C-alpha atoms as a PDB file:
ATOM      1  CA  MET A   1       3.462  43.198  10.838  1.00  0.00           C
ATOM      2  CA  PRO A   2       5.891  44.943  13.227  1.00  0.00           C
ATOM      3  CA  THR A   3       8.855  43.867  11.110  1.00  0.00           C
ATOM      4  CA  TRP A   4       9.633  43.135   7.477  1.00  0.00           C
ATOM      5  CA  ARG A   5      12.231  40.511   6.575  1.00  0.00           C
ATOM      6  CA  LEU A   6      14.140  41.154   3.359  1.00  0.00           C
ATOM      7  CA  THR A   7      16.327  38.409   1.877  1.00  0.00           C
ATOM      8  CA  LEU A   8      19.103  39.475  -0.484  1.00  0.00           C
ATOM      9  CA  THR A   9      21.926  37.504  -2.099  1.00  0.00           C
ATOM     10  CA  GLY A  10      25.272  38.490  -3.530  1.00  0.00           C
ATOM     11  CA  ALA A  11      28.893  37.442  -3.925  1.00  0.00           C
ATOM     12  CA  THR A  12      29.691  39.992  -1.200  1.00  0.00           C
ATOM     13  CA  PHE A  13      27.632  41.667   1.480  1.00  0.00           C
ATOM     14  CA  ALA A  14      28.054  45.056  -0.212  1.00  0.00           C
ATOM     15  CA  GLU A  15      26.596  43.671  -3.441  1.00  0.00           C
ATOM     16  CA  ALA A  16      23.648  42.142  -1.626  1.00  0.00           C
ATOM     17  CA  ILE A  17      22.875  45.424   0.154  1.00  0.00           C
ATOM     18  CA  ASN A  18      23.135  47.308  -3.121  1.00  0.00           C
ATOM     19  CA  LYS A  19      20.461  45.021  -4.563  1.00  0.00           C
ATOM     20  CA  GLY A  20      18.184  46.209  -1.780  1.00  0.00           C
ATOM     21  CA  ALA A  21      17.414  49.291  -3.868  1.00  0.00           C
ATOM     22  CA  THR A  22      15.459  47.027  -6.246  1.00  0.00           C
ATOM     23  CA  ARG A  23      13.309  45.641  -3.417  1.00  0.00           C
ATOM     24  CA  SER A  24      12.693  48.547  -1.060  1.00  0.00           C
ATOM     25  CA  GLU A  25      11.635  52.135  -1.691  1.00  0.00           C
ATOM     26  CA  ARG A  26      13.349  53.071   1.584  1.00  0.00           C
ATOM     27  CA  THR A  27      17.084  53.436   2.126  1.00  0.00           C
ATOM     28  CA  LEU A  28      18.533  50.635   4.221  1.00  0.00           C
ATOM     29  CA  PHE A  29      20.122  52.229   7.307  1.00  0.00           C
ATOM     30  CA  PHE A  30      22.449  50.267   9.599  1.00  0.00           C
ATOM     31  CA  GLY A  31      23.077  52.894  12.259  1.00  0.00           C
ATOM     32  CA  HIS A  32      20.426  51.339  14.508  1.00  0.00           C
ATOM     33  CA  GLN A  33      21.485  47.735  13.979  1.00  0.00           C
ATOM     34  CA  LYS A  34      21.705  45.741  17.216  1.00  0.00           C
ATOM     35  CA  ILE A  35      22.401  42.134  16.163  1.00  0.00           C
ATOM     36  CA  ILE A  36      24.447  40.145  13.636  1.00  0.00           C
ATOM     37  CA  VAL A  37      23.586  36.444  13.300  1.00  0.00           C
ATOM     38  CA  LEU A  38      26.024  34.346  11.268  1.00  0.00           C
ATOM     39  CA  GLY A  39      24.919  30.990   9.860  1.00  0.00           C
ATOM     40  CA  GLU A  40      26.817  27.854  10.817  1.00  0.00           C
ATOM     41  CA  GLU A  41      27.849  26.937   7.263  1.00  0.00           C
ATOM     42  CA  LEU A  42      29.245  30.415   6.591  1.00  0.00           C
ATOM     43  CA  ALA A  43      31.085  30.545   9.927  1.00  0.00           C
ATOM     44  CA  ARG A  44      32.720  27.162   9.278  1.00  0.00           C
ATOM     45  CA  ARG A  45      33.617  27.905   5.655  1.00  0.00           C
ATOM     46  CA  ASP A  46      34.852  31.513   5.564  1.00  0.00           C
ATOM     47  CA  ALA A  47      37.128  33.502   7.833  1.00  0.00           C
ATOM     48  CA  LEU A  48      34.967  35.785   9.977  1.00  0.00           C
ATOM     49  CA  GLN A  49      37.418  38.624   9.470  1.00  0.00           C
ATOM     50  CA  SER A  50      36.419  38.649   5.794  1.00  0.00           C
ATOM     51  CA  VAL A  51      32.725  38.085   6.498  1.00  0.00           C
ATOM     52  CA  LEU A  52      32.620  41.095   8.840  1.00  0.00           C
ATOM     53  CA  ASP A  53      34.808  43.345   6.682  1.00  0.00           C
ATOM     54  CA  TRP A  54      31.828  45.416   5.419  1.00  0.00           C
ATOM     55  CA  TRP A  55      30.997  46.496   8.985  1.00  0.00           C
ATOM     56  CA  THR A  56      34.572  47.657   9.612  1.00  0.00           C
ATOM     57  CA  ARG A  57      34.416  50.021   6.634  1.00  0.00           C
ATOM     58  CA  ASN A  58      30.828  51.271   6.706  1.00  0.00           C
ATOM     59  CA  ARG A  59      30.526  54.646   8.455  1.00  0.00           C
ATOM     60  CA  GLU A  60      27.017  53.773   9.645  1.00  0.00           C
ATOM     61  CA  SER A  61      28.240  50.714  11.555  1.00  0.00           C
ATOM     62  CA  TYR A  62      27.672  50.552  15.302  1.00  0.00           C
ATOM     63  CA  VAL A  63      30.573  48.617  16.823  1.00  0.00           C
ATOM     64  CA  ALA A  64      28.624  47.800  20.005  1.00  0.00           C
ATOM     65  CA  ILE A  65      26.202  45.480  18.174  1.00  0.00           C
ATOM     66  CA  ASN A  66      26.210  41.867  19.380  1.00  0.00           C
ATOM     67  CA  VAL A  67      27.493  38.986  17.242  1.00  0.00           C
ATOM     68  CA  LEU A  68      25.864  35.535  17.505  1.00  0.00           C
ATOM     69  CA  LEU A  69      26.260  32.205  15.726  1.00  0.00           C
ATOM     70  CA  ALA A  70      23.262  30.248  14.466  1.00  0.00           C
ATOM     71  CA  GLU A  71      23.184  26.512  14.919  1.00  0.00           C
ATOM     72  CA  GLY A  72      22.161  25.639  11.375  1.00  0.00           C
ATOM     73  CA  ASP A  73      20.724  28.199   8.976  1.00  0.00           C
ATOM     74  CA  ALA A  74      20.647  31.822  10.132  1.00  0.00           C
ATOM     75  CA  ALA A  75      17.466  32.451   8.118  1.00  0.00           C
ATOM     76  CA  ALA A  76      15.667  29.807  10.189  1.00  0.00           C
ATOM     77  CA  ILE A  77      16.460  31.794  13.335  1.00  0.00           C
ATOM     78  CA  MET A  78      14.546  34.779  11.965  1.00  0.00           C
ATOM     79  CA  GLU A  79      11.491  32.568  11.535  1.00  0.00           C
ATOM     80  CA  GLY A  80      11.364  31.793  15.256  1.00  0.00           C
ATOM     81  CA  ARG A  81       8.360  32.847  17.330  1.00  0.00           C
ATOM     82  CA  PRO A  82       9.361  34.579  20.588  1.00  0.00           C
ATOM     83  CA  GLU A  83       6.788  34.482  23.366  1.00  0.00           C
ATOM     84  CA  PHE A  84       6.704  38.219  24.102  1.00  0.00           C
ATOM     85  CA  ALA A  85       9.101  40.151  21.846  1.00  0.00           C
ATOM     86  CA  ARG A  86       7.630  41.670  18.695  1.00  0.00           C
ATOM     87  CA  SER A  87      10.426  40.273  16.540  1.00  0.00           C
ATOM     88  CA  VAL A  88      13.307  37.803  16.711  1.00  0.00           C
ATOM     89  CA  SER A  89      15.870  40.612  16.482  1.00  0.00           C
ATOM     90  CA  MET A  90      14.296  42.387  19.468  1.00  0.00           C
ATOM     91  CA  PHE A  91      14.259  39.087  21.393  1.00  0.00           C
ATOM     92  CA  LEU A  92      17.961  38.477  20.681  1.00  0.00           C
ATOM     93  CA  ASN A  93      18.919  42.010  21.664  1.00  0.00           C
ATOM     94  CA  ASP A  94      17.018  41.749  24.948  1.00  0.00           C
ATOM     95  CA  GLU A  95      18.272  38.212  25.586  1.00  0.00           C
ATOM     96  CA  MET A  96      21.893  39.335  25.402  1.00  0.00           C
ATOM     97  CA  GLN A  97      21.260  41.556  28.423  1.00  0.00           C
ATOM     98  CA  GLN A  98      20.517  38.397  30.445  1.00  0.00           C
ATOM     99  CA  VAL A  99      24.249  37.675  30.537  1.00  0.00           C
ATOM    100  CA  ILE A 100      24.307  39.310  33.981  1.00  0.00           C
ATOM    101  CA  LYS A 101      22.141  36.426  35.260  1.00  0.00           C
ATOM    102  CA  THR A 102      23.890  33.408  33.761  1.00  0.00           C
ATOM    103  CA  THR A 103      27.156  32.183  32.244  1.00  0.00           C
ATOM    104  CA  ARG A 104      25.436  29.744  29.897  1.00  0.00           C
ATOM    105  CA  PHE A 105      26.304  32.006  26.959  1.00  0.00           C
ATOM    106  CA  VAL A 106      28.609  34.952  26.297  1.00  0.00           C
ATOM    107  CA  LYS A 107      28.057  38.460  25.061  1.00  0.00           C
ATOM    108  CA  HIS A 108      30.594  39.810  22.592  1.00  0.00           C
ATOM    109  CA  SER A 109      30.236  43.019  20.638  1.00  0.00           C
ATOM    110  CA  LEU A 110      31.385  43.489  17.054  1.00  0.00           C
ATOM    111  CA  GLN A 111      34.311  45.546  18.323  1.00  0.00           C
ATOM    112  CA  GLU A 112      35.450  42.792  20.706  1.00  0.00           C
ATOM    113  CA  VAL A 113      35.183  40.189  17.952  1.00  0.00           C
ATOM    114  CA  LEU A 114      37.156  42.301  15.477  1.00  0.00           C
ATOM    115  CA  VAL A 115      39.891  43.030  18.034  1.00  0.00           C
ATOM    116  CA  ALA A 116      40.264  39.301  18.789  1.00  0.00           C
ATOM    117  CA  LEU A 117      40.321  38.352  15.104  1.00  0.00           C
ATOM    118  CA  ASP A 118      42.871  41.061  14.247  1.00  0.00           C
ATOM    119  CA  ALA A 119      45.118  39.776  17.042  1.00  0.00           C
ATOM    120  CA  GLY A 120      44.796  36.185  15.796  1.00  0.00           C
ATOM    121  CA  GLU A 121      43.106  35.089  19.028  1.00  0.00           C
ATOM    122  CA  ASP A 122      40.462  32.398  19.465  1.00  0.00           C
ATOM    123  CA  ILE A 123      37.117  33.450  20.911  1.00  0.00           C
ATOM    124  CA  LEU A 124      33.721  32.143  22.028  1.00  0.00           C
ATOM    125  CA  LEU A 125      30.510  33.493  20.476  1.00  0.00           C
ATOM    126  CA  ALA A 126      26.959  32.994  21.714  1.00  0.00           C
ATOM    127  CA  ARG A 127      24.926  30.243  20.018  1.00  0.00           C
ATOM    128  CA  VAL A 128      21.297  30.757  19.024  1.00  0.00           C
ATOM    129  CA  LYS A 129      18.935  28.055  17.770  1.00  0.00           C
ATOM    130  CA  VAL A 130      15.238  27.420  17.317  1.00  0.00           C
ATOM    131  CA  LEU A 131      13.670  24.838  19.640  1.00  0.00           C
ATOM    132  CA  PRO A 132      11.139  22.242  18.398  1.00  0.00           C
ATOM    133  CA  ASP A 133       8.286  24.459  19.620  1.00  0.00           C
ATOM    134  CA  GLY A 134       9.480  27.311  17.397  1.00  0.00           C
ATOM    135  CA  LYS A 135      10.906  29.432  20.231  1.00  0.00           C
ATOM    136  CA  PRO A 136      14.411  30.842  19.781  1.00  0.00           C
ATOM    137  CA  GLN A 137      16.980  30.116  22.494  1.00  0.00           C
ATOM    138  CA  VAL A 138      20.403  31.582  23.274  1.00  0.00           C
ATOM    139  CA  ALA A 139      22.503  28.966  25.092  1.00  0.00           C
ATOM    140  CA  GLY A 140      25.991  27.566  24.659  1.00  0.00           C
ATOM    141  CA  THR A 141      28.766  28.958  22.501  1.00  0.00           C
ATOM    142  CA  GLY A 142      30.553  28.444  19.232  1.00  0.00           C
ATOM    143  CA  VAL A 143      34.340  27.960  19.316  1.00  0.00           C
ATOM    144  CA  ILE A 144      36.110  30.260  16.868  1.00  0.00           C
ATOM    145  CA  HIS A 145      39.616  28.992  16.072  1.00  0.00           C
ATOM    146  CA  ARG A 146      41.793  30.895  13.623  1.00  0.00           C
ATOM    147  CA  GLY A 147      38.801  32.875  12.452  1.00  0.00           C
ATOM    148  CA  ARG A 148      36.448  29.964  11.759  1.00  0.00           C
ATOM    149  CA  LEU A 149      33.837  28.000  13.672  1.00  0.00           C
ATOM    150  CA  VAL A 150      35.248  24.597  14.638  1.00  0.00           C
ATOM    151  CA  GLY A 151      32.594  23.327  17.052  1.00  0.00           C
ATOM    152  CA  TRP A 152      30.262  24.008  19.944  1.00  0.00           C
ATOM    153  CA  LEU A 153      30.348  24.103  23.729  1.00  0.00           C
ATOM    154  CA  SER A 154      27.220  23.127  25.641  1.00  0.00           C
ATOM    155  CA  PRO A 155      25.757  25.622  28.151  1.00  0.00           C
ATOM    156  CA  GLU A 156      27.432  23.713  30.997  1.00  0.00           C
ATOM    157  CA  GLU A 157      30.790  23.650  29.189  1.00  0.00           C
ATOM    158  CA  THR A 158      30.426  27.351  28.496  1.00  0.00           C
ATOM    159  CA  GLN A 159      29.929  27.964  32.212  1.00  0.00           C
ATOM    160  CA  ALA A 160      33.161  26.115  33.006  1.00  0.00           C
ATOM    161  CA  ALA A 161      35.114  28.027  30.359  1.00  0.00           C
ATOM    162  CA  LEU A 162      33.936  31.368  31.725  1.00  0.00           C
ATOM    163  CA  TRP A 163      34.843  30.315  35.274  1.00  0.00           C
ATOM    164  CA  ILE A 164      38.427  29.984  34.033  1.00  0.00           C
ATOM    165  CA  THR A 165      38.533  33.232  32.048  1.00  0.00           C
ATOM    166  CA  GLY A 166      36.731  35.234  34.734  1.00  0.00           C
ATOM    167  CA  GLU A 167      34.215  36.646  32.244  1.00  0.00           C
ATOM    168  CA  THR A 168      31.267  36.098  34.571  1.00  0.00           C
ATOM    169  CA  LYS A 169      29.091  39.234  34.614  1.00  0.00           C
ATOM    170  CA  GLY A 170      26.917  38.423  37.616  1.00  0.00           C
ATOM    171  CA  CYS A 171      25.874  35.521  39.836  1.00  0.00           C
ATOM    172  CA  ASP A 172      25.919  31.892  38.724  1.00  0.00           C
ATOM    173  CA  VAL A 173      24.011  28.856  40.026  1.00  0.00           C
ATOM    174  CA  LEU A 174      25.454  25.360  40.436  1.00  0.00           C
ATOM    175  CA  VAL A 175      23.353  22.302  41.350  1.00  0.00           C
ATOM    176  CA  VAL A 176      25.173  19.974  43.774  1.00  0.00           C
ATOM    177  CA  PRO A 177      23.680  16.603  44.868  1.00  0.00           C
ATOM    178  CA  VAL A 178      24.739  15.505  48.374  1.00  0.00           C
ATOM    179  CA  PRO A 179      23.435  11.929  48.906  1.00  0.00           C
ATOM    180  CA  GLU A 180      24.877  11.809  52.431  1.00  0.00           C
ATOM    181  CA  LEU A 181      22.426  14.527  53.469  1.00  0.00           C
ATOM    182  CA  ASP A 182      19.629  13.342  51.188  1.00  0.00           C
ATOM    183  CA  ASN A 183      19.624  16.814  49.634  1.00  0.00           C
ATOM    184  CA  VAL A 184      20.193  18.600  46.360  1.00  0.00           C
ATOM    185  CA  PHE A 185      21.635  22.093  46.812  1.00  0.00           C
ATOM    186  CA  SER A 186      21.504  25.098  44.496  1.00  0.00           C
ATOM    187  CA  LEU A 187      24.591  27.158  45.241  1.00  0.00           C
ATOM    188  CA  GLU A 188      24.674  30.761  44.029  1.00  0.00           C
ATOM    189  CA  PHE A 189      28.156  32.134  43.376  1.00  0.00           C
ATOM    190  CA  CYS A 190      28.420  35.902  42.975  1.00  0.00           C
ATOM    191  CA  LYS A 191      32.185  36.065  43.425  1.00  0.00           C
ATOM    192  CA  ILE A 192      34.411  33.844  41.287  1.00  0.00           C
ATOM    193  CA  LYS A 193      38.149  34.563  41.371  1.00  0.00           C
ATOM    194  CA  PRO A 194      40.303  32.687  38.826  1.00  0.00           C
ATOM    195  CA  GLU A 195      44.081  32.776  38.766  1.00  0.00           C
ATOM    196  CA  ILE A 196      46.034  31.321  35.844  1.00  0.00           C
ATOM    197  CA  LYS A 197      49.803  30.894  36.157  1.00  0.00           C
ATOM    198  CA  PRO A 198      52.112  29.634  33.391  1.00  0.00           C
ATOM    199  CA  LYS A 199      55.101  27.651  34.652  1.00  0.00           C
ATOM    200  CA  MET A 200      58.380  26.684  32.995  1.00  0.00           C
ATOM    201  CA  GLU A 201      60.497  23.924  34.506  1.00  0.00           C
ATOM    202  CA  ASN A 202      63.379  22.366  32.570  1.00  0.00           C
ATOM    203  CA  GLU A 203      62.001  23.877  29.362  1.00  0.00           C
ATOM    204  CA  SER A 204      58.683  22.119  30.042  1.00  0.00           C
ATOM    205  CA  LEU A 205      55.627  24.376  29.970  1.00  0.00           C
ATOM    206  CA  SER A 206      52.581  23.846  32.181  1.00  0.00           C
ATOM    207  CA  PHE A 207      49.709  25.850  33.656  1.00  0.00           C
ATOM    208  CA  GLU A 208      48.268  26.075  37.142  1.00  0.00           C
ATOM    209  CA  VAL A 209      44.636  27.201  37.388  1.00  0.00           C
ATOM    210  CA  LYS A 210      43.259  28.178  40.793  1.00  0.00           C
ATOM    211  CA  ILE A 211      39.630  29.268  41.145  1.00  0.00           C
ATOM    212  CA  GLU A 212      37.919  30.426  44.315  1.00  0.00           C
ATOM    213  CA  PHE A 213      34.109  30.351  44.488  1.00  0.00           C
ATOM    214  CA  ASN A 214      32.384  32.399  47.186  1.00  0.00           C
ATOM    215  CA  GLY A 215      28.624  32.045  47.453  1.00  0.00           C
ATOM    216  CA  ARG A 216      25.564  31.019  49.386  1.00  0.00           C
ATOM    217  CA  ILE A 217      22.915  28.320  49.525  1.00  0.00           C
ATOM    218  CA  ALA A 218      20.067  29.530  47.334  1.00  0.00           C
ATOM    219  CA  GLU A 219      17.943  26.370  47.632  1.00  0.00           C
ATOM    220  CA  LYS A 220      17.887  23.021  49.428  1.00  0.00           C
ATOM    221  CA  MET A 221      15.627  20.243  48.158  1.00  0.00           C
ATOM    222  CA  GLY A 222      14.989  16.864  49.768  1.00  0.00           C
ATOM    223  CA  ASN A 223      15.549  16.338  53.480  1.00  0.00           C
ATOM    224  CA  PRO A 224      13.840  19.287  55.292  1.00  0.00           C
ATOM    225  CA  GLY A 225      16.145  19.002  58.307  1.00  0.00           C
ATOM    226  CA  ILE A 226      18.294  21.891  59.480  1.00  0.00           C
ATOM    227  CA  LEU A 227      21.972  21.769  58.511  1.00  0.00           C
ATOM    228  CA  LYS A 228      24.279  20.634  61.283  1.00  0.00           C
ATOM    229  CA  ALA A 229      27.848  21.495  62.168  1.00  0.00           C
ATOM    230  CA  GLY A 230      30.165  20.072  59.563  1.00  0.00           C
ATOM    231  CA  ASP A 231      27.475  19.780  56.867  1.00  0.00           C
ATOM    232  CA  LEU A 232      28.700  22.923  55.109  1.00  0.00           C
ATOM    233  CA  GLN A 233      32.174  21.428  54.682  1.00  0.00           C
ATOM    234  CA  LEU A 234      30.593  18.351  53.121  1.00  0.00           C
ATOM    235  CA  VAL A 235      28.570  20.499  50.683  1.00  0.00           C
ATOM    236  CA  GLU A 236      31.656  22.551  49.824  1.00  0.00           C
ATOM    237  CA  GLY A 237      33.636  19.377  49.096  1.00  0.00           C
ATOM    238  CA  LYS A 238      30.907  18.012  46.833  1.00  0.00           C
ATOM    239  CA  ALA A 239      30.731  21.346  44.998  1.00  0.00           C
ATOM    240  CA  GLU A 240      34.487  21.339  44.463  1.00  0.00           C
ATOM    241  CA  ALA A 241      34.271  17.847  42.951  1.00  0.00           C
ATOM    242  CA  VAL A 242      31.433  18.851  40.588  1.00  0.00           C
ATOM    243  CA  ILE A 243      33.249  22.012  39.473  1.00  0.00           C
ATOM    244  CA  THR A 244      36.570  20.193  38.963  1.00  0.00           C
ATOM    245  CA  GLU A 245      34.874  17.593  36.761  1.00  0.00           C
ATOM    246  CA  ARG A 246      33.270  20.345  34.677  1.00  0.00           C
ATOM    247  CA  LEU A 247      36.604  22.123  34.275  1.00  0.00           C
ATOM    248  CA  GLN A 248      38.411  18.931  33.252  1.00  0.00           C
ATOM    249  CA  GLN A 249      35.721  18.209  30.669  1.00  0.00           C
ATOM    250  CA  VAL A 250      35.931  21.596  28.985  1.00  0.00           C
ATOM    251  CA  MET A 251      39.745  21.659  29.103  1.00  0.00           C
ATOM    252  CA  SER A 252      39.899  18.262  27.407  1.00  0.00           C
ATOM    253  CA  LYS A 253      37.488  19.377  24.697  1.00  0.00           C
ATOM    254  CA  LEU A 254      39.281  22.644  23.984  1.00  0.00           C
ATOM    255  CA  GLN A 255      42.761  21.106  24.029  1.00  0.00           C
ATOM    256  CA  ARG A 256      42.265  17.705  22.386  1.00  0.00           C
ATOM    257  CA  GLN A 257      39.241  18.152  20.135  1.00  0.00           C
ATOM    258  CA  TYR A 258      39.351  21.794  19.000  1.00  0.00           C
ATOM    259  CA  ARG A 259      42.919  22.886  19.875  1.00  0.00           C
ATOM    260  CA  ALA A 260      41.393  26.320  20.442  1.00  0.00           C
ATOM    261  CA  ASP A 261      42.852  28.599  23.113  1.00  0.00           C
ATOM    262  CA  VAL A 262      39.675  30.564  23.878  1.00  0.00           C
ATOM    263  CA  LEU A 263      40.846  30.720  27.513  1.00  0.00           C
ATOM    264  CA  GLY A 264      43.724  33.101  26.735  1.00  0.00           C
ATOM    265  CA  PHE A 265      46.591  30.905  27.911  1.00  0.00           C
ATOM    266  CA  GLY A 266      48.766  32.127  25.050  1.00  0.00           C
ATOM    267  CA  ARG A 267      48.291  35.760  26.078  1.00  0.00           C
ATOM    268  CA  ARG A 268      49.671  34.962  29.513  1.00  0.00           C
ATOM    269  CA  ILE A 269      52.792  33.389  28.031  1.00  0.00           C
ATOM    270  CA  GLU A 270      53.258  36.394  25.740  1.00  0.00           C
ATOM    271  CA  LYS A 271      52.974  38.731  28.726  1.00  0.00           C
ATOM    272  CA  LYS A 272      55.363  36.776  30.978  1.00  0.00           C
ATOM    273  CA  TRP A 273      57.879  35.494  28.424  1.00  0.00           C
ATOM    274  CA  PRO A 274      57.542  37.580  25.210  1.00  0.00           C
ATOM    275  CA  HIS A 275      60.729  36.184  23.669  1.00  0.00           C
ATOM    276  CA  ARG A 276      59.667  32.581  24.243  1.00  0.00           C
ATOM    277  CA  TRP A 277      56.235  33.359  22.794  1.00  0.00           C
ATOM    278  CA  GLU A 278      57.773  34.560  19.522  1.00  0.00           C
ATOM    279  CA  GLY A 279      59.275  31.124  19.039  1.00  0.00           C
ATOM    280  CA  MET A 280      56.104  29.166  19.771  1.00  0.00           C
ATOM    281  CA  LYS A 281      53.166  31.266  18.570  1.00  0.00           C
ATOM    282  CA  GLU A 282      53.106  29.765  15.063  1.00  0.00           C
ATOM    283  CA  GLN A 283      52.762  26.262  16.516  1.00  0.00           C
ATOM    284  CA  TRP A 284      50.639  27.284  19.475  1.00  0.00           C
ATOM    285  CA  PRO A 285      47.541  25.145  18.639  1.00  0.00           C
ATOM    286  CA  GLN A 286      49.706  22.004  18.635  1.00  0.00           C
ATOM    287  CA  ILE A 287      51.585  23.072  21.770  1.00  0.00           C
ATOM    288  CA  PHE A 288      48.371  24.050  23.573  1.00  0.00           C
ATOM    289  CA  ALA A 289      46.876  20.619  22.909  1.00  0.00           C
ATOM    290  CA  GLY A 290      49.580  18.903  24.959  1.00  0.00           C
ATOM    291  CA  ILE A 291      50.186  21.330  27.824  1.00  0.00           C
ATOM    292  CA  PRO A 292      49.539  19.862  31.309  1.00  0.00           C
ATOM    293  CA  VAL A 293      46.989  21.913  33.267  1.00  0.00           C
ATOM    294  CA  THR A 294      46.644  21.555  37.045  1.00  0.00           C
ATOM    295  CA  LEU A 295      43.256  22.547  38.462  1.00  0.00           C
ATOM    296  CA  GLN A 296      42.673  23.680  42.041  1.00  0.00           C
ATOM    297  CA  VAL A 297      39.153  24.606  43.164  1.00  0.00           C
ATOM    298  CA  LYS A 298      38.140  26.153  46.477  1.00  0.00           C
ATOM    299  CA  VAL A 299      34.485  26.674  47.422  1.00  0.00           C
ATOM    300  CA  LYS A 300      33.398  28.825  50.360  1.00  0.00           C
ATOM    301  CA  ILE A 301      29.751  28.998  51.434  1.00  0.00           C
ATOM    302  CA  LEU A 302      29.346  32.312  53.222  1.00  0.00           C
ATOM    303  CA  GLY A 303      25.563  32.319  53.608  1.00  0.00           C
ATOM    304  CA  THR A 304      22.905  29.685  54.220  1.00  0.00           C
ATOM    305  CA  GLY A 305      19.690  31.702  54.186  1.00  0.00           C
ATOM    306  CA  LEU A 306      17.200  32.495  56.968  1.00  0.00           C
ATOM    307  CA  VAL A 307      15.866  28.982  57.549  1.00  0.00           C
ATOM    308  CA  SER A 308      19.286  27.426  58.172  1.00  0.00           C
END
C-alpha cells in the first residue's frame, strides 16, 4: 500500500499523537503535512481556534497547509477512492491547486484560517465529500461563523460569494440561456472587479455592491447561426440577470439564515468609520442580518471567438 492510515483517539490532539508511539515504530513527523480535514460534527461543536491550537504551537507545523471541512465524518473521506492519485491526501492536495480554474470552492491555508479566527472574522472553508461511487469531491464551502461551522454553501453559491469578495484566482465560467436566440452560452470571465461601498444616511447603514464582469464567449450551443448586431447586448443583459439572481440568493442566505459576514462587510466599516465600528461590532451579526444591500452588475463581452 502506498499509504498507511493510523487512527488515534484522545481528549486532545496532543494526547492522541502521543499514543502513536504505541502503534508505530516510526516517529510521526508533521513537517511535510499538506492537508487538514475537519469532520462536520467537530467543526459544529467546538471552536476551530481550540481545535487547531496544537498546530499553532508545534514547531514542526507548516502554516501553508490547506484546511478543509468534511461533509459528514472526516474518516470516511480518507476511505475514498481517487481515480488517479495514490492516496486521498495526495488527491486533496492536488485538487486544491485547481482553484485557479474555478470558484466552486476556496483555498485557505492554516495561516489564513488562524489569522481570521484570531481577528474574530467569519470565513469560508472548502467542503470535501465522498460521492456515491466512492470518489472524493471538493466543491462548495462551509460557513464558519464565530469559530464554528453553521452551514454550507453550494458550489454555485460559493461562486457568487467569491464574485463579491474578489477572491477569484483565475477564469470562471457562467452558463447563460438565451431563448430569444435559441442558444445556451458559456461565458468565460477572466476579469471580475467588485467594489463594495458602505453608506451612512441619517444614521441608517447600507451597502452598495458593484461588480464588473469582463469576458468572452467560450461556447455557444443550439442555433448554429452567426451572431448579429445587437445580439451581444442581449446576451450581456441575460448574463447580468443570472448573476444578479445568484448574488441575491447568496446574500439572503448569509444574512438571514447564517448571519455570517464571510464577505468582509464589517472590515469595510471598521476601515471607514473605526469609531462607529467600536459601538456595533459586538452586535454585528444581528446588524448584518438587516442591512440593505444594493447590487449592480455590469457584463462586458470583449471576445466572441473565431467563428463569430
